[in-house]
Protein backbone atom coordinates (compact mmCIF):
# COMPACT_ATOMS: atom_id res chain seq x y z
CA MET A 1 80.77 -47.25 34.28
CA MET A 2 82.99 -44.61 32.71
CA LYS A 3 83.71 -43.24 36.20
CA LEU A 4 85.25 -46.57 37.13
CA PHE A 5 87.26 -46.73 33.90
CA ARG A 6 89.14 -43.62 35.02
CA MET A 7 91.05 -46.06 37.21
CA LEU A 8 92.63 -47.43 34.01
CA LYS A 9 95.17 -44.58 33.97
CA PRO A 10 97.99 -46.73 35.42
CA TYR A 11 97.33 -49.23 32.62
CA ARG A 12 97.17 -46.78 29.72
CA VAL A 13 100.34 -48.19 28.12
CA GLY A 14 98.82 -51.67 28.18
CA VAL A 15 95.54 -50.34 26.75
CA VAL A 16 97.41 -48.59 23.91
CA PHE A 17 99.25 -51.80 23.01
CA VAL A 18 95.99 -53.78 23.11
CA LEU A 19 94.36 -51.30 20.72
CA LEU A 20 97.43 -51.39 18.48
CA ALA A 21 97.38 -55.21 18.40
CA VAL A 22 93.64 -55.20 17.66
CA PHE A 23 94.14 -52.64 14.88
CA VAL A 24 96.84 -54.74 13.18
CA GLN A 25 94.72 -57.89 13.60
CA ALA A 26 91.75 -56.11 11.98
CA LEU A 27 93.94 -55.03 9.05
CA THR A 28 95.15 -58.58 8.48
CA GLU A 29 91.60 -59.97 8.52
CA LEU A 30 90.45 -57.28 6.08
CA TYR A 31 93.38 -57.95 3.75
CA LEU A 32 92.91 -61.74 3.51
CA PRO A 33 89.66 -61.72 1.40
CA THR A 34 91.33 -59.43 -1.17
CA LEU A 35 94.24 -61.85 -1.47
CA MET A 36 91.75 -64.72 -1.85
CA ALA A 37 90.01 -62.78 -4.64
CA ASP A 38 93.36 -62.34 -6.42
CA ILE A 39 94.09 -66.08 -6.21
CA VAL A 40 90.68 -66.90 -7.74
CA ASP A 41 90.62 -64.21 -10.43
CA GLU A 42 94.32 -64.15 -11.38
CA GLY A 43 95.71 -67.53 -10.29
CA ILE A 44 92.95 -70.12 -10.67
CA ALA A 45 91.17 -68.46 -13.62
CA LYS A 46 94.47 -68.15 -15.55
CA SER A 47 96.00 -71.40 -14.21
CA ASP A 48 99.00 -69.42 -12.94
CA ILE A 49 100.41 -71.86 -10.33
CA PRO A 50 103.46 -69.71 -9.31
CA TYR A 51 101.10 -66.79 -8.68
CA ILE A 52 98.88 -69.01 -6.51
CA TRP A 53 101.93 -70.10 -4.46
CA GLN A 54 103.14 -66.52 -4.18
CA ILE A 55 99.81 -65.10 -2.98
CA GLY A 56 99.16 -68.20 -0.85
CA GLY A 57 102.48 -67.66 0.95
CA LEU A 58 101.61 -64.00 1.47
CA MET A 59 98.22 -65.04 2.93
CA LEU A 60 99.98 -67.43 5.32
CA GLY A 61 102.32 -64.65 6.48
CA VAL A 62 99.43 -62.21 6.97
CA ALA A 63 97.50 -64.86 8.92
CA LEU A 64 100.51 -65.50 11.19
CA VAL A 65 100.83 -61.76 11.92
CA GLY A 66 97.11 -61.66 12.77
CA MET A 67 97.49 -64.68 15.06
CA VAL A 68 100.42 -63.12 16.96
CA CYS A 69 98.49 -59.86 17.36
CA SER A 70 95.44 -61.79 18.62
CA ILE A 71 97.52 -63.63 21.25
CA VAL A 72 99.30 -60.45 22.38
CA GLY A 73 96.01 -58.51 22.51
CA SER A 74 94.27 -61.25 24.52
CA TYR A 75 97.17 -61.50 26.98
CA LEU A 76 97.47 -57.74 27.52
CA SER A 77 93.70 -57.20 27.81
CA ALA A 78 93.55 -59.96 30.46
CA ARG A 79 96.42 -58.36 32.41
CA VAL A 80 94.85 -54.91 32.24
CA SER A 81 91.40 -56.09 33.29
CA MET A 82 92.69 -58.30 36.12
CA GLY A 83 94.84 -55.45 37.45
CA PHE A 84 91.89 -53.07 37.18
CA GLY A 85 89.68 -55.53 39.08
CA ARG A 86 92.30 -55.93 41.80
CA ASP A 87 92.68 -52.17 42.22
CA LEU A 88 88.92 -51.62 42.24
CA ARG A 89 88.38 -54.31 44.89
CA SER A 90 91.10 -52.76 47.01
CA LYS A 91 89.57 -49.30 46.61
CA VAL A 92 86.05 -50.46 47.52
CA PHE A 93 87.36 -52.41 50.52
CA SER A 94 89.49 -49.49 51.74
CA HIS A 95 86.59 -47.08 51.33
CA ALA A 96 84.21 -49.41 53.18
CA GLN A 97 86.75 -49.60 56.01
CA ARG A 98 86.14 -45.89 56.60
CA PHE A 99 82.38 -46.33 56.85
CA THR A 100 80.64 -45.73 60.13
CA LEU A 101 78.09 -48.20 61.43
CA LYS A 102 75.46 -45.96 59.84
CA GLU A 103 76.75 -46.73 56.32
CA PHE A 104 77.01 -50.44 57.12
CA ASP A 105 73.40 -50.35 58.28
CA LYS A 106 72.43 -48.56 55.05
CA PHE A 107 74.09 -50.95 52.58
CA GLY A 108 73.96 -54.18 54.57
CA THR A 109 76.84 -56.61 54.92
CA ALA A 110 75.51 -59.06 52.30
CA SER A 111 75.16 -56.29 49.71
CA LEU A 112 78.67 -54.96 50.38
CA ILE A 113 80.10 -58.46 49.88
CA THR A 114 78.19 -58.83 46.57
CA ARG A 115 79.35 -55.42 45.37
CA THR A 116 82.98 -56.20 46.22
CA THR A 117 82.96 -59.62 44.53
CA ASN A 118 80.21 -60.35 42.01
CA ASP A 119 79.68 -56.77 40.79
CA ILE A 120 83.39 -56.09 40.28
CA THR A 121 83.74 -59.42 38.44
CA GLN A 122 80.94 -58.34 36.05
CA VAL A 123 82.70 -55.05 35.27
CA GLN A 124 86.03 -56.86 34.91
CA GLN A 125 84.63 -59.31 32.36
CA VAL A 126 83.06 -56.54 30.31
CA LEU A 127 86.36 -54.64 30.31
CA ILE A 128 88.13 -57.66 28.76
CA MET A 129 85.46 -57.81 26.05
CA MET A 130 85.49 -54.07 25.46
CA LEU A 131 89.25 -53.97 25.02
CA ARG A 132 89.04 -56.74 22.43
CA MET A 133 85.57 -56.81 20.85
CA LEU A 134 84.49 -53.19 21.21
CA ALA A 135 87.74 -52.03 19.64
CA MET A 136 87.65 -54.73 16.96
CA ALA A 137 83.98 -54.39 15.95
CA PRO A 138 84.06 -50.74 14.64
CA MET A 139 87.32 -51.38 12.79
CA MET A 140 85.94 -54.50 11.16
CA MET A 141 82.63 -52.84 10.33
CA ILE A 142 84.06 -49.65 8.84
CA GLY A 143 86.89 -51.47 7.09
CA GLY A 144 84.51 -54.17 5.84
CA ILE A 145 82.09 -51.61 4.42
CA ILE A 146 84.93 -49.76 2.64
CA MET A 147 86.34 -52.98 1.17
CA ALA A 148 82.89 -54.31 0.20
CA VAL A 149 82.02 -51.07 -1.61
CA SER A 150 85.40 -51.17 -3.37
CA LYS A 151 84.57 -54.66 -4.68
CA ASP A 152 81.03 -53.81 -5.84
CA ALA A 153 79.14 -50.69 -4.82
CA LYS A 154 75.73 -51.80 -6.13
CA LEU A 155 75.85 -55.15 -4.34
CA SER A 156 76.56 -53.21 -1.12
CA LEU A 157 72.93 -52.08 -1.14
CA VAL A 158 72.10 -55.47 0.41
CA LEU A 159 74.06 -54.37 3.49
CA VAL A 160 72.16 -51.07 3.61
CA VAL A 161 69.00 -53.11 4.27
CA VAL A 162 70.49 -55.71 6.63
CA ILE A 163 72.59 -53.56 8.98
CA PRO A 164 69.69 -51.37 10.31
CA ILE A 165 67.59 -54.51 10.96
CA LEU A 166 70.39 -56.06 13.02
CA ALA A 167 71.06 -52.81 14.88
CA LEU A 168 67.35 -52.43 15.75
CA LEU A 169 67.21 -56.01 17.05
CA ILE A 170 70.22 -55.42 19.31
CA LEU A 171 68.74 -52.16 20.65
CA VAL A 172 65.32 -53.66 21.45
CA LEU A 173 66.75 -56.71 23.24
CA GLY A 174 69.28 -54.59 25.14
CA ARG A 175 66.61 -52.21 26.45
CA SER A 176 64.38 -55.12 27.47
CA ALA A 177 67.19 -56.83 29.38
CA LEU A 178 68.42 -53.83 31.43
CA PRO A 179 65.65 -53.77 34.10
CA LEU A 180 65.94 -57.54 34.47
CA PHE A 181 69.68 -57.27 35.08
CA LYS A 182 69.02 -54.67 37.79
CA ALA A 183 66.54 -57.01 39.44
CA MET A 184 69.04 -59.89 39.23
CA GLN A 185 71.71 -58.04 41.22
CA LYS A 186 69.23 -57.22 43.97
CA LYS A 187 68.12 -60.84 44.08
CA ILE A 188 71.75 -61.97 44.34
CA ASP A 189 72.01 -59.65 47.38
CA ARG A 190 68.93 -61.30 48.85
CA LEU A 191 70.30 -64.80 48.23
CA ASN A 192 73.62 -63.84 49.86
CA LEU A 193 71.78 -62.43 52.86
CA VAL A 194 69.73 -65.60 53.39
CA LEU A 195 72.79 -67.82 52.92
CA ARG A 196 74.91 -65.73 55.30
CA GLU A 197 72.22 -65.74 58.00
CA ASN A 198 71.80 -69.49 57.58
CA LEU A 199 75.50 -70.24 57.91
CA THR A 200 76.21 -67.88 60.81
CA GLY A 201 73.05 -68.85 62.69
CA ILE A 202 73.31 -72.61 62.18
CA ARG A 203 73.39 -73.33 65.93
CA VAL A 204 70.15 -71.43 66.58
CA ILE A 205 68.49 -72.96 63.51
CA ARG A 206 69.32 -76.49 64.65
CA ALA A 207 68.47 -75.78 68.28
CA PHE A 208 64.94 -74.73 67.29
CA GLY A 209 64.58 -77.34 64.56
CA ARG A 210 64.03 -74.74 61.83
CA GLU A 211 66.10 -76.44 59.13
CA ASP A 212 63.07 -77.03 56.91
CA SER A 213 61.82 -73.44 57.13
CA GLU A 214 65.32 -72.09 56.42
CA ARG A 215 65.67 -74.46 53.50
CA LYS A 216 62.34 -73.18 52.20
CA ARG A 217 63.45 -69.56 52.65
CA PHE A 218 66.67 -70.26 50.75
CA ASP A 219 64.79 -72.11 47.99
CA GLU A 220 62.40 -69.17 47.59
CA ALA A 221 65.28 -66.69 47.23
CA SER A 222 67.11 -69.05 44.85
CA ARG A 223 63.97 -69.69 42.78
CA ASP A 224 63.26 -65.97 42.55
CA LEU A 225 66.79 -65.37 41.21
CA THR A 226 66.50 -68.36 38.86
CA ASP A 227 63.19 -67.15 37.40
CA THR A 228 64.65 -63.73 36.63
CA ALA A 229 67.81 -65.27 35.17
CA ILE A 230 65.71 -67.52 32.93
CA ARG A 231 63.72 -64.53 31.65
CA VAL A 232 66.95 -62.70 30.83
CA ASN A 233 68.49 -65.72 29.15
CA LYS A 234 65.36 -66.30 27.08
CA LEU A 235 65.80 -62.81 25.67
CA MET A 236 69.50 -63.38 25.06
CA ALA A 237 68.87 -66.86 23.62
CA ALA A 238 66.46 -65.38 21.10
CA MET A 239 69.10 -62.91 19.93
CA MET A 240 71.63 -65.32 18.42
CA PRO A 241 69.21 -67.44 16.30
CA ALA A 242 67.55 -64.25 15.03
CA MET A 243 70.92 -62.83 14.05
CA MET A 244 72.06 -66.04 12.38
CA LEU A 245 68.79 -66.12 10.43
CA ILE A 246 69.38 -62.57 9.20
CA LEU A 247 73.01 -63.49 8.46
CA ASN A 248 72.07 -66.52 6.37
CA PHE A 249 69.38 -64.64 4.42
CA SER A 250 71.97 -61.92 3.78
CA THR A 251 74.37 -64.53 2.36
CA ILE A 252 71.61 -65.91 0.09
CA ALA A 253 70.78 -62.39 -1.12
CA ILE A 254 74.44 -61.58 -1.83
CA ILE A 255 74.96 -64.82 -3.78
CA TRP A 256 71.67 -64.30 -5.67
CA PHE A 257 72.36 -60.74 -6.75
CA GLY A 258 76.09 -61.40 -7.14
CA SER A 259 75.46 -64.27 -9.56
CA ILE A 260 73.26 -61.98 -11.62
CA ARG A 261 76.07 -59.39 -11.80
CA ILE A 262 78.67 -62.07 -12.69
CA ASP A 263 76.38 -63.38 -15.43
CA ALA A 264 76.08 -59.82 -16.76
CA GLY A 265 79.87 -59.45 -16.72
CA ASP A 266 79.79 -56.66 -14.13
CA MET A 267 81.61 -58.65 -11.43
CA GLN A 268 84.29 -61.35 -11.16
CA LEU A 269 83.88 -64.57 -9.14
CA GLY A 270 86.83 -63.74 -6.88
CA ASN A 271 85.30 -60.37 -5.99
CA LEU A 272 82.00 -62.09 -5.11
CA ILE A 273 83.85 -64.49 -2.77
CA ALA A 274 85.68 -61.52 -1.20
CA PHE A 275 82.42 -59.58 -0.95
CA ILE A 276 80.72 -62.45 0.90
CA GLN A 277 83.63 -62.57 3.38
CA TYR A 278 83.49 -58.81 3.92
CA ALA A 279 79.74 -59.00 4.43
CA MET A 280 80.27 -61.73 7.02
CA GLN A 281 82.91 -59.60 8.76
CA ILE A 282 80.52 -56.65 8.87
CA LEU A 283 77.65 -58.70 10.22
CA PHE A 284 79.84 -60.60 12.69
CA SER A 285 81.14 -57.28 13.98
CA LEU A 286 77.51 -56.40 14.73
CA ILE A 287 77.13 -59.73 16.50
CA MET A 288 80.24 -58.88 18.57
CA VAL A 289 78.56 -55.63 19.52
CA SER A 290 75.40 -57.55 20.43
CA ILE A 291 77.38 -59.85 22.74
CA ILE A 292 78.79 -56.78 24.46
CA PHE A 293 75.25 -55.39 24.73
CA VAL A 294 74.28 -58.59 26.52
CA MET A 295 76.92 -57.97 29.18
CA VAL A 296 77.07 -54.16 29.30
CA PRO A 297 73.58 -53.69 30.81
CA ARG A 298 74.38 -56.02 33.70
CA ALA A 299 77.86 -54.54 34.08
CA SER A 300 76.41 -51.01 34.06
CA VAL A 301 74.07 -52.01 36.89
CA SER A 302 77.05 -53.47 38.76
CA ALA A 303 79.11 -50.35 38.07
CA GLY A 304 76.30 -48.19 39.46
CA ARG A 305 76.21 -50.27 42.64
CA ILE A 306 79.99 -50.02 43.00
CA ASN A 307 79.83 -46.26 42.48
CA GLU A 308 77.17 -46.01 45.19
CA VAL A 309 79.69 -47.44 47.65
CA LEU A 310 82.59 -45.29 46.42
CA GLU A 311 80.48 -42.12 46.41
CA ALA A 312 79.00 -42.72 49.86
CA ALA A 313 80.73 -40.21 52.11
CA PRO A 314 81.39 -41.59 55.60
CA ASP A 315 79.12 -39.93 58.13
CA ILE A 316 82.14 -39.36 60.37
CA GLU A 317 85.18 -37.54 59.03
CA ASP A 318 88.33 -36.26 60.74
CA ALA A 319 88.55 -32.54 61.44
CA PRO A 320 90.63 -30.58 58.85
CA SER A 321 93.34 -29.97 61.46
CA PRO A 322 93.01 -32.63 64.17
CA LYS A 323 94.13 -31.65 67.65
CA THR A 324 96.43 -33.64 69.91
CA VAL A 325 96.08 -34.14 73.65
CA ALA A 326 98.75 -34.54 76.30
CA GLU A 327 96.78 -35.82 79.29
CA ARG A 328 95.93 -39.43 80.11
CA GLY A 329 92.40 -40.52 79.33
CA HIS A 330 90.11 -38.13 81.20
CA LEU A 331 86.66 -38.79 79.68
CA GLU A 332 83.69 -36.43 79.91
CA PHE A 333 80.12 -36.53 78.58
CA ARG A 334 78.46 -33.11 78.35
CA ASP A 335 74.69 -33.20 77.87
CA VAL A 336 74.98 -35.92 75.22
CA SER A 337 71.97 -37.09 73.22
CA PHE A 338 71.91 -39.53 70.33
CA SER A 339 69.23 -40.85 67.97
CA TYR A 340 69.54 -43.64 65.43
CA GLU A 341 68.53 -42.66 61.91
CA GLY A 342 64.80 -43.12 61.44
CA ALA A 343 64.15 -43.71 65.13
CA GLU A 344 61.14 -42.01 66.68
CA ALA A 345 62.83 -41.32 70.03
CA PRO A 346 66.46 -40.74 71.11
CA ALA A 347 68.40 -43.82 72.23
CA ILE A 348 70.04 -41.72 74.96
CA GLU A 349 69.48 -38.09 75.96
CA HIS A 350 71.01 -35.48 78.26
CA ILE A 351 73.81 -37.73 79.55
CA SER A 352 76.50 -35.96 81.59
CA PHE A 353 79.29 -37.47 83.69
CA ASP A 354 83.06 -37.46 84.30
CA ALA A 355 85.35 -40.51 84.22
CA LYS A 356 88.94 -39.90 85.35
CA PRO A 357 92.14 -41.96 85.18
CA GLY A 358 92.41 -44.39 88.08
CA GLU A 359 88.63 -44.64 88.42
CA VAL A 360 86.18 -47.37 87.45
CA THR A 361 82.89 -46.07 86.06
CA ALA A 362 80.21 -48.72 85.78
CA ILE A 363 77.07 -48.42 83.65
CA ILE A 364 74.05 -50.51 84.51
CA GLY A 365 70.43 -50.56 83.38
CA GLY A 366 67.72 -52.69 81.91
CA THR A 367 67.65 -54.09 78.39
CA GLY A 368 67.32 -51.27 75.84
CA SER A 369 68.30 -48.56 78.33
CA GLY A 370 71.11 -47.33 76.03
CA LYS A 371 74.22 -48.77 77.72
CA SER A 372 75.94 -50.09 74.58
CA THR A 373 74.84 -47.04 72.59
CA LEU A 374 76.52 -44.78 75.14
CA VAL A 375 79.91 -46.51 75.00
CA SER A 376 79.79 -46.78 71.19
CA LEU A 377 79.93 -42.98 71.03
CA ILE A 378 83.37 -42.89 72.68
CA PRO A 379 85.35 -44.49 69.79
CA ARG A 380 83.08 -42.57 67.36
CA PHE A 381 81.28 -45.57 65.93
CA TYR A 382 78.49 -42.98 65.82
CA ASP A 383 78.62 -39.22 66.38
CA VAL A 384 76.50 -37.55 69.03
CA SER A 385 73.29 -35.84 67.90
CA SER A 386 73.83 -33.07 70.45
CA GLY A 387 76.20 -32.32 73.28
CA ALA A 388 79.84 -33.40 73.27
CA VAL A 389 82.12 -36.26 74.32
CA LEU A 390 85.52 -34.99 75.47
CA VAL A 391 88.81 -36.80 76.01
CA ASP A 392 91.38 -34.86 78.02
CA GLY A 393 89.31 -31.71 77.55
CA VAL A 394 89.10 -31.93 73.75
CA ASP A 395 85.93 -32.76 71.81
CA ILE A 396 86.59 -36.13 70.17
CA ARG A 397 85.27 -34.71 66.87
CA GLU A 398 88.37 -32.49 66.84
CA LEU A 399 90.73 -35.47 67.21
CA SER A 400 91.73 -37.79 64.40
CA GLN A 401 89.89 -41.11 64.56
CA GLU A 402 93.21 -42.97 64.56
CA SER A 403 94.65 -41.09 67.55
CA LEU A 404 91.34 -41.35 69.44
CA ARG A 405 91.02 -45.09 68.94
CA HIS A 406 94.67 -45.58 69.81
CA LYS A 407 93.76 -44.38 73.31
CA ILE A 408 90.97 -46.94 73.68
CA GLY A 409 90.94 -50.63 74.51
CA TYR A 410 87.47 -51.81 73.49
CA VAL A 411 85.94 -55.16 74.43
CA PRO A 412 82.62 -55.55 72.57
CA GLN A 413 79.46 -57.07 73.96
CA LYS A 414 79.72 -59.95 71.51
CA ALA A 415 83.23 -61.40 71.62
CA LEU A 416 84.52 -61.56 68.04
CA LEU A 417 87.68 -63.46 67.15
CA PHE A 418 89.41 -63.86 63.81
CA SER A 419 90.69 -66.98 62.11
CA GLY A 420 94.32 -67.56 63.03
CA SER A 421 96.13 -68.55 66.21
CA VAL A 422 95.43 -67.60 69.82
CA ALA A 423 98.56 -65.42 69.88
CA GLU A 424 97.56 -63.66 66.65
CA ASN A 425 94.15 -62.80 68.09
CA ILE A 426 95.69 -61.28 71.22
CA ARG A 427 98.33 -59.48 69.16
CA TYR A 428 95.49 -57.91 67.13
CA GLY A 429 95.34 -55.29 69.89
CA LYS A 430 99.02 -54.38 69.47
CA GLU A 431 100.78 -55.51 66.33
CA GLU A 432 104.28 -55.22 67.77
CA ALA A 433 103.46 -56.96 71.09
CA THR A 434 106.12 -59.38 72.31
CA ASP A 435 105.40 -62.97 73.34
CA GLU A 436 105.90 -61.93 76.97
CA GLU A 437 103.35 -59.11 76.66
CA ILE A 438 100.86 -61.55 75.11
CA ARG A 439 101.32 -64.03 77.96
CA GLU A 440 100.97 -61.28 80.57
CA ALA A 441 97.75 -60.00 78.98
CA ALA A 442 96.37 -63.56 78.90
CA ARG A 443 97.30 -64.05 82.56
CA ILE A 444 95.47 -60.89 83.68
CA ALA A 445 92.45 -61.82 81.53
CA GLN A 446 92.34 -65.24 83.25
CA ALA A 447 92.92 -66.89 79.86
CA ALA A 448 96.37 -68.36 80.49
CA GLU A 449 95.04 -71.47 82.20
CA PHE A 450 92.84 -72.64 79.34
CA ILE A 451 95.42 -71.59 76.71
CA ASP A 452 98.13 -73.69 78.39
CA GLY A 453 95.70 -76.59 78.33
CA LEU A 454 95.42 -76.46 74.52
CA ASP A 455 97.64 -78.90 72.59
CA GLU A 456 99.46 -76.12 70.75
CA GLY A 457 99.15 -73.45 73.46
CA TYR A 458 99.37 -69.93 72.08
CA ASP A 459 99.81 -71.34 68.56
CA ALA A 460 96.50 -73.22 68.79
CA PRO A 461 94.21 -72.41 65.84
CA VAL A 462 91.12 -70.23 66.25
CA SER A 463 88.40 -70.87 63.68
CA GLN A 464 86.36 -68.09 62.07
CA GLY A 465 84.45 -66.19 64.74
CA GLY A 466 86.08 -68.34 67.43
CA SER A 467 83.50 -71.08 66.91
CA ASN A 468 85.88 -73.72 68.35
CA LEU A 469 85.99 -71.89 71.71
CA SER A 470 83.39 -71.46 74.45
CA GLY A 471 81.72 -68.12 75.14
CA GLY A 472 83.81 -67.54 78.28
CA GLN A 473 87.05 -68.38 76.47
CA LYS A 474 86.21 -65.98 73.65
CA GLN A 475 85.43 -63.20 76.14
CA ARG A 476 88.72 -63.70 77.97
CA LEU A 477 90.69 -63.58 74.71
CA SER A 478 88.83 -60.39 73.76
CA ILE A 479 89.77 -58.87 77.12
CA ALA A 480 93.41 -59.95 76.65
CA ARG A 481 93.37 -58.30 73.21
CA ALA A 482 92.40 -54.99 74.83
CA LEU A 483 94.85 -55.38 77.73
CA VAL A 484 97.90 -55.96 75.53
CA ARG A 485 97.27 -52.54 74.02
CA ARG A 486 97.72 -50.81 77.41
CA PRO A 487 95.36 -47.97 76.44
CA GLU A 488 94.38 -44.87 78.38
CA ILE A 489 90.67 -45.77 78.32
CA TYR A 490 89.23 -49.26 78.78
CA ILE A 491 85.68 -49.97 77.62
CA PHE A 492 84.18 -53.28 78.76
CA ASP A 493 80.78 -53.59 77.12
CA ASP A 494 79.13 -56.32 79.18
CA SER A 495 82.35 -58.30 78.65
CA PHE A 496 82.05 -60.55 81.74
CA SER A 497 78.58 -61.97 81.07
CA ALA A 498 79.84 -65.41 79.99
CA LEU A 499 82.19 -65.80 82.98
CA ASP A 500 81.33 -67.65 86.14
CA PHE A 501 81.28 -65.64 89.40
CA LYS A 502 84.65 -67.00 90.54
CA THR A 503 86.44 -66.12 87.27
CA ASP A 504 84.63 -62.76 87.21
CA ALA A 505 85.90 -61.90 90.69
CA ARG A 506 89.50 -62.99 89.91
CA LEU A 507 89.46 -61.00 86.66
CA ARG A 508 88.18 -57.80 88.29
CA SER A 509 90.81 -58.17 91.03
CA ALA A 510 93.61 -58.56 88.45
CA LEU A 511 92.28 -55.63 86.43
CA LYS A 512 92.47 -53.25 89.40
CA GLN A 513 96.26 -53.32 89.40
CA GLU A 514 96.59 -53.33 85.61
CA THR A 515 94.21 -50.41 85.02
CA LYS A 516 95.10 -48.25 88.03
CA ASP A 517 96.40 -45.42 85.79
CA SER A 518 93.66 -45.74 83.16
CA THR A 519 90.03 -44.75 82.87
CA VAL A 520 87.75 -47.78 82.99
CA LEU A 521 84.16 -47.89 81.73
CA MET A 522 82.36 -51.10 82.53
CA VAL A 523 78.92 -51.93 81.14
CA ALA A 524 77.39 -54.80 83.10
CA GLN A 525 74.15 -56.62 83.80
CA ARG A 526 75.33 -58.11 87.11
CA VAL A 527 75.16 -55.98 90.20
CA SER A 528 78.04 -57.99 91.70
CA THR A 529 80.27 -56.78 88.86
CA VAL A 530 79.60 -53.07 89.46
CA MET A 531 79.24 -52.88 93.27
CA ASP A 532 82.92 -51.99 93.80
CA ALA A 533 83.02 -49.30 91.10
CA ASP A 534 84.03 -45.73 92.00
CA ARG A 535 80.99 -44.48 90.13
CA ILE A 536 77.85 -46.27 88.95
CA ILE A 537 75.68 -44.69 86.26
CA VAL A 538 72.14 -46.05 86.22
CA LEU A 539 70.35 -45.74 82.88
CA ASP A 540 66.62 -46.05 82.38
CA GLN A 541 65.06 -45.60 78.92
CA GLY A 542 68.07 -43.62 77.69
CA ARG A 543 68.21 -41.22 80.64
CA VAL A 544 70.36 -41.10 83.77
CA ALA A 545 68.36 -42.47 86.69
CA GLY A 546 71.17 -42.04 89.19
CA ILE A 547 74.94 -41.56 89.57
CA GLY A 548 76.96 -42.51 92.64
CA ARG A 549 78.48 -45.37 94.59
CA HIS A 550 76.56 -48.51 95.44
CA SER A 551 75.53 -47.41 98.95
CA GLU A 552 74.49 -43.96 97.75
CA LEU A 553 72.37 -45.33 94.92
CA MET A 554 70.68 -47.78 97.27
CA ARG A 555 69.37 -44.73 99.13
CA THR A 556 68.62 -42.40 96.22
CA SER A 557 67.73 -44.46 93.11
CA ASP A 558 64.55 -46.52 92.85
CA VAL A 559 65.68 -48.01 89.53
CA TYR A 560 68.99 -49.19 91.01
CA ARG A 561 67.30 -50.67 94.09
CA GLU A 562 64.93 -52.56 91.82
CA ILE A 563 67.86 -53.99 89.81
CA VAL A 564 69.72 -54.98 92.98
CA SER A 565 66.71 -56.60 94.64
CA SER A 566 66.05 -58.64 91.45
CA GLN A 567 69.55 -60.14 91.61
CA LEU A 568 70.64 -60.28 95.27
CA SER A 569 69.07 -61.57 98.44
CA GLU A 570 68.54 -59.26 101.42
CA GLU A 571 71.53 -60.84 103.18
CA GLU A 572 73.82 -60.20 100.17
CA ILE A 573 72.58 -56.60 99.91
CA ALA A 574 73.27 -55.99 103.59
CA ALA A 575 76.70 -57.64 103.36
CA GLY A 576 77.58 -55.51 100.37
CA LEU A 577 76.63 -52.29 102.17
CA GLU A 578 78.64 -53.28 105.25
CA GLU A 579 81.67 -54.08 103.11
CA GLU A 580 81.47 -50.71 101.36
CA VAL A 581 81.20 -48.83 104.67
CA GLN A 582 84.29 -50.63 105.99
């Protein structure tokens, strides 16, 4: 947790003023019992009314100073802790933005959300308490002991017995609670995961009638968290009654032995009253520490989880001196192999091909053949295990990630839209795009027709994930988002699968003119989508099973012929070959 508190440097002035306010408040609270003792011993005992008014007025002034310091300290500690929480959230979010897909796979989306929200809130709350209570408690304890001893040293022996008992109780309960707090955070992760899957997969759940099983799964995760929370709270609930019991017995002991000393003439009544108040301050300072001990174990677990994220070095880093390239999108794979972490076999291996500007390179293959894996290496979502991917003759590992991705217009396999308007989603590809550029991109992507049909047109709202649009509409907006960027390399990862054949054909025809100076990579399941490509790469179990044009592959590749025959009739195959020859 101390690593995180290094981020308090910008707030050091605020922290100093909080500590100063707490120090003055502690002094006022320690001074009040002495004034009370003076009123009893000098004013009441001697019936000196003016003295009572004088000391009473002084007590009122001291109490007002303490109140002002308490308000100022609370306000400043809240500002410091809220600012710290904001900065920490921003830092965790920014760091996670640099993660590769490998780190996201390692932590999990649900866990990253918990760490950025719940865990940071835990640390933030403890910081508020530490700035106030943890600073106040030692001052009150040390000051209380000094003042109590000054009133009656022998009576202070009661505190010598009580304080170690309280401290031992706090230590035992704190150590017992720590492993339970660790378990709680993991179970919160699990609950978030189940909830997130349930909400995002609601259509599938309802389609298969699995509401009851999902409700049961959620209840199990919730009950597991509840059981652990109850165990923790039982421990914490036992702490306060035990402390109050010790506190009350301490008061009885002080009054008992104090009355004996007053009867013997060794102590005045006012000093006994002051001593009781100092004893309460000492013991309450220990209770303050115990409250912090309740929260610190959980916060320390949260801090450890936050540090895990901040200390996780992204698997992909920019080269120390990134190179720049002057050409226009020439892409080359040189004997590329890639394996996912923990996988027994490579996802792709020994892939080599060239894709030049003005050419369309199509990638086709069966499910699990490595098509999406191959194209995900180009924007460096993952780094190759061996071999090299080159853009304009330069290994992409020697380019900065920003400059590399600026060259690429990527349309993912699963169309993902963001909450906002239609125009904002298209402009996501190019922040400074004009309205005319947005409309042109939509026209080429065959999205203009359905957009114009919306009540608000390009200002029509898009819900989270684009759930208020059809699959084909989402795909066309994703394509428009890439087109407005006008990149050097287009990557269409099975981006036409939700389109009907007519829209697919119109879109590919419009793309030819738009992408004539760019390199186009097109992953597809449909043979009709790739037949016109300048180059077709056939993948089978992660290896190249053929490279060439449609007619060439029909002669040389068994895998390609099998794919074609599974989708087209003999008449369509013959017509396609004739068209290519012409």
